[in-house]
Amino acid sequence: MKRSFIIPIIGAIILFAFNANAQKKGKEMDPAAVKPTSVAAPKPSNELEVKIYETALKYGDIEVARNAIYALLVKHPDSLSYLDTLARLYFSNGNYVQCALTSKDYLTRDSANLFVREMLAISLSSLNKNKESLEQYEILYANTHSVFHAYQIAILQYVLKRFGECETTCAIILSDPKAGEQKVSISADEKNNQQVPIKAAAYNIRGVMYKELNRPDDAINSFREAVKIFPDFALAKANIEAMTAPKKDAPKK
């Protein structure tokens, strides 16, 4: 009988072989490395569209706000500020296809904007464009050296079955002191999330990878290290149980 095996994946939560849907692929941003989180307001202006935009946001009407930004972009096609705002409106509403398109357009003109790049990375991950998302996270990490971005890279490398790279990235995370301080949200079950130290999450990723590489002893040791760091880590504990529980005999015919 196959037992379920669990790993957290980025953003839109995705379940893998062994029921690997708890380590998140994507929708979180690094709060330390990339600063602005809310929708960027257009620069103060007397233009009617800006007033419509501001009023629409006041009353939570994202569609009207977005239409106002489109009108401003038609009038000011070279404005990066309006394009940035449009990308954030799409992102905040979970419109990942449109966010990816607008973010890519933005980055062709300003490649240094890390917030827009992270929106692009998350959007691509949420659309299961994992290779493209990985490329964006690698650029982010090269600029931020953030353990959070390294964590996203490790998960994507696992998803893409680039296990050698994943093992190297996990080692980088585990050697970073900040990995024991920063946390990520990981699904404990269908209804609840846990805030887990990234170091523990990295050990769990590594354990799942070792399981897939048929290295059961290394896998169990990695899961146990995860639980040492975070004793309430539901996924790592479930993975230990899945690997150590006695196998049931096949039913007799």
Foldseek 3Di string as FASTA:
>chain_A
DAAAAEADAADPFDADGSGHGWNHNFDDDDCPQAPDQAQQQDDDDPDPLSVQLVVCVVVVNLVSNLVSLVVVCVVVVPDLSSLSNNLNSCLVVVVLVVNLVSLVVSCVPPVPNLVSLSSNLRSCVVVVVLVVSLVSLVVSCVVRVDLVSLLSNLNSCVVVVVLVVNVVSLVSSLVDPCQLVAWDWTDLDPPDIDTARNNLSSLQSNLVSCVVVVNNVSSLVSLVVSCVSPVVRNNSVSNNCSSPPDDDDDDDD
